[in-house]
C-alpha atoms as a PDB file:
ATOM      1  CA  VAL A   1      88.317 111.902  82.776  1.00  0.00           C
ATOM      2  CA  GLN A   2      91.651 113.496  82.863  1.00  0.00           C
ATOM      3  CA  LEU A   3      92.900 116.927  83.897  1.00  0.00           C
ATOM      4  CA  VAL A   4      96.480 117.972  83.059  1.00  0.00           C
ATOM      5  CA  GLU A   5      97.849 121.315  84.567  1.00  0.00           C
ATOM      6  CA  SER A   6     100.699 123.061  83.119  1.00  0.00           C
ATOM      7  CA  GLY A   7     102.309 126.449  82.968  1.00  0.00           C
ATOM      8  CA  GLY A   8     103.814 126.656  86.508  1.00  0.00           C
ATOM      9  CA  GLY A   9     107.366 127.739  87.055  1.00  0.00           C
ATOM     10  CA  LEU A  10     109.458 130.338  88.934  1.00  0.00           C
ATOM     11  CA  VAL A  11     108.651 133.978  88.535  1.00  0.00           C
ATOM     12  CA  GLN A  12     109.877 137.148  90.247  1.00  0.00           C
ATOM     13  CA  PRO A  13     107.363 139.084  92.463  1.00  0.00           C
ATOM     14  CA  GLY A  14     105.204 141.339  90.247  1.00  0.00           C
ATOM     15  CA  GLY A  15     105.371 138.875  87.335  1.00  0.00           C
ATOM     16  CA  SER A  16     102.754 136.836  85.563  1.00  0.00           C
ATOM     17  CA  LEU A  17     102.050 133.238  84.687  1.00  0.00           C
ATOM     18  CA  ARG A  18      99.260 131.435  82.863  1.00  0.00           C
ATOM     19  CA  LEU A  19      98.286 128.081  84.028  1.00  0.00           C
ATOM     20  CA  SER A  20      96.393 125.746  81.855  1.00  0.00           C
ATOM     21  CA  CYS A  21      94.179 122.700  82.544  1.00  0.00           C
ATOM     22  CA  ALA A  22      93.839 120.517  79.684  1.00  0.00           C
ATOM     23  CA  ALA A  23      90.689 118.170  79.992  1.00  0.00           C
ATOM     24  CA  SER A  24      89.952 114.899  78.322  1.00  0.00           C
ATOM     25  CA  GLY A  25      87.141 112.581  78.569  1.00  0.00           C
ATOM     26  CA  PHE A  26      84.484 115.340  78.907  1.00  0.00           C
ATOM     27  CA  PRO A  27      83.551 118.712  77.646  1.00  0.00           C
ATOM     28  CA  VAL A  28      84.488 121.570  80.052  1.00  0.00           C
ATOM     29  CA  SER A  29      81.827 123.544  78.659  1.00  0.00           C
ATOM     30  CA  ILE A  30      79.144 121.829  80.610  1.00  0.00           C
ATOM     31  CA  TYR A  31      80.886 121.462  83.942  1.00  0.00           C
ATOM     32  CA  ASP A  32      81.696 123.987  86.625  1.00  0.00           C
ATOM     33  CA  MET A  33      85.546 124.123  87.066  1.00  0.00           C
ATOM     34  CA  THR A  34      87.784 125.324  89.820  1.00  0.00           C
ATOM     35  CA  TRP A  35      91.387 126.256  90.574  1.00  0.00           C
ATOM     36  CA  TYR A  36      92.829 125.406  93.957  1.00  0.00           C
ATOM     37  CA  ARG A  37      96.140 125.876  95.519  1.00  0.00           C
ATOM     38  CA  GLN A  38      98.123 124.269  98.259  1.00  0.00           C
ATOM     39  CA  ALA A  39     101.085 125.901 100.017  1.00  0.00           C
ATOM     40  CA  PRO A  40     103.549 123.887 102.179  1.00  0.00           C
ATOM     41  CA  GLY A  41     102.150 123.158 105.529  1.00  0.00           C
ATOM     42  CA  LYS A  42      98.696 124.767 104.717  1.00  0.00           C
ATOM     43  CA  GLU A  43      95.449 123.501 103.601  1.00  0.00           C
ATOM     44  CA  ARG A  44      94.188 123.405  99.935  1.00  0.00           C
ATOM     45  CA  GLU A  45      92.267 126.529  99.182  1.00  0.00           C
ATOM     46  CA  LEU A  46      89.985 127.670  96.526  1.00  0.00           C
ATOM     47  CA  VAL A  47      91.395 130.240  94.108  1.00  0.00           C
ATOM     48  CA  ALA A  48      88.842 130.709  91.422  1.00  0.00           C
ATOM     49  CA  GLY A  49      85.893 128.982  89.865  1.00  0.00           C
ATOM     50  CA  ILE A  50      83.893 129.279  86.572  1.00  0.00           C
ATOM     51  CA  SER A  51      80.404 128.107  85.999  1.00  0.00           C
ATOM     52  CA  SER A  52      79.459 125.886  83.027  1.00  0.00           C
ATOM     53  CA  SER A  53      76.873 128.253  81.749  1.00  0.00           C
ATOM     54  CA  GLY A  54      77.060 132.128  81.539  1.00  0.00           C
ATOM     55  CA  GLY A  55      80.793 132.171  82.467  1.00  0.00           C
ATOM     56  CA  ARG A  56      80.091 133.309  86.184  1.00  0.00           C
ATOM     57  CA  THR A  57      83.255 133.477  88.084  1.00  0.00           C
ATOM     58  CA  ILE A  58      84.202 133.686  91.753  1.00  0.00           C
ATOM     59  CA  TYR A  59      87.679 134.298  93.337  1.00  0.00           C
ATOM     60  CA  ALA A  60      89.312 134.329  96.677  1.00  0.00           C
ATOM     61  CA  ASP A  61      89.626 137.773  98.254  1.00  0.00           C
ATOM     62  CA  SER A  62      93.438 137.158  98.266  1.00  0.00           C
ATOM     63  CA  VAL A  63      93.495 136.994  94.351  1.00  0.00           C
ATOM     64  CA  LYS A  64      90.641 139.244  93.269  1.00  0.00           C
ATOM     65  CA  GLY A  65      91.785 141.848  90.815  1.00  0.00           C
ATOM     66  CA  ARG A  66      94.971 139.863  90.035  1.00  0.00           C
ATOM     67  CA  PHE A  67      93.830 136.486  88.749  1.00  0.00           C
ATOM     68  CA  THR A  68      91.468 135.762  86.102  1.00  0.00           C
ATOM     69  CA  ILE A  69      89.910 132.412  85.298  1.00  0.00           C
ATOM     70  CA  SER A  70      88.703 131.673  81.726  1.00  0.00           C
ATOM     71  CA  ARG A  71      87.592 128.648  79.547  1.00  0.00           C
ATOM     72  CA  ASP A  72      88.270 127.892  75.991  1.00  0.00           C
ATOM     73  CA  ASN A  73      85.816 125.348  74.892  1.00  0.00           C
ATOM     74  CA  ALA A  74      87.370 124.650  71.500  1.00  0.00           C
ATOM     75  CA  LYS A  75      90.667 123.778  73.211  1.00  0.00           C
ATOM     76  CA  ASN A  76      88.794 122.107  76.079  1.00  0.00           C
ATOM     77  CA  THR A  77      90.986 123.792  78.486  1.00  0.00           C
ATOM     78  CA  VAL A  78      90.487 126.061  81.559  1.00  0.00           C
ATOM     79  CA  PHE A  79      93.131 128.846  82.220  1.00  0.00           C
ATOM     80  CA  LEU A  80      94.152 130.869  85.110  1.00  0.00           C
ATOM     81  CA  GLN A  81      95.920 134.280  84.279  1.00  0.00           C
ATOM     82  CA  MET A  82      97.989 135.297  87.237  1.00  0.00           C
ATOM     83  CA  ASN A  83      99.300 138.833  87.344  1.00  0.00           C
ATOM     84  CA  SER A  84     101.206 140.968  89.999  1.00  0.00           C
ATOM     85  CA  LEU A  85     102.230 137.763  91.543  1.00  0.00           C
ATOM     86  CA  LYS A  86     103.362 137.854  95.323  1.00  0.00           C
ATOM     87  CA  PRO A  87     105.540 135.472  97.463  1.00  0.00           C
ATOM     88  CA  GLU A  88     102.538 134.244  99.186  1.00  0.00           C
ATOM     89  CA  ASP A  89     100.978 132.921  95.974  1.00  0.00           C
ATOM     90  CA  THR A  90     103.704 130.188  95.928  1.00  0.00           C
ATOM     91  CA  ALA A  91     101.885 126.824  96.018  1.00  0.00           C
ATOM     92  CA  VAL A  92     101.026 123.764  93.894  1.00  0.00           C
ATOM     93  CA  TYR A  93      97.886 124.792  91.732  1.00  0.00           C
ATOM     94  CA  TYR A  94      95.294 122.225  90.912  1.00  0.00           C
ATOM     95  CA  CYS A  95      92.413 122.068  88.577  1.00  0.00           C
ATOM     96  CA  GLN A  96      89.100 120.338  89.645  1.00  0.00           C
ATOM     97  CA  ARG A  97      85.975 119.291  87.977  1.00  0.00           C
ATOM     98  CA  ILE A  98      83.563 119.718  90.725  1.00  0.00           C
ATOM     99  CA  ALA A  99      81.108 116.979  89.548  1.00  0.00           C
ATOM    100  CA  GLY A 100      82.671 113.719  90.519  1.00  0.00           C
ATOM    101  CA  ASN A 101      85.521 115.514  92.362  1.00  0.00           C
ATOM    102  CA  TYR A 102      88.110 114.909  89.809  1.00  0.00           C
ATOM    103  CA  TRP A 103      91.582 116.648  90.194  1.00  0.00           C
ATOM    104  CA  GLY A 104      94.650 117.150  88.169  1.00  0.00           C
ATOM    105  CA  GLN A 105      98.134 116.258  89.429  1.00  0.00           C
ATOM    106  CA  GLY A 106      99.017 119.979  90.009  1.00  0.00           C
ATOM    107  CA  THR A 107     101.558 122.429  88.929  1.00  0.00           C
ATOM    108  CA  GLN A 108     104.100 124.125  91.118  1.00  0.00           C
ATOM    109  CA  VAL A 109     104.240 128.058  91.093  1.00  0.00           C
ATOM    110  CA  THR A 110     107.060 129.756  93.042  1.00  0.00           C
ATOM    111  CA  VAL A 111     107.328 133.293  93.326  1.00  0.00           C
ATOM    112  CA  SER A 112     110.570 134.551  94.536  1.00  0.00           C
ATOM    113  CA  SER A 113     113.272 136.914  93.716  1.00  0.00           C
END
């Protein structure tokens, strides 16, 4: 099982980024997947999740209406589309497969002017 995040970077407030979590060793279509983030000096927090069946999604209140989690089964990848970014979204973002508690290495997102 391997999860590799990408797509992070430096973006101005109000901008957008799309994070990708490329999975290998298992099909993302049959697992619940999540995105977490951890800002300096803070605990890791859940940002968004998507269920294995039916595509049910959940979001932290702080990102509702701005972030969208999705899954491309053909690419075996989970995405996090982030719009209207704010400085407080700055963090390292991690992808997780809940079953077995597998994590990627993280990708840095910095929102700053």
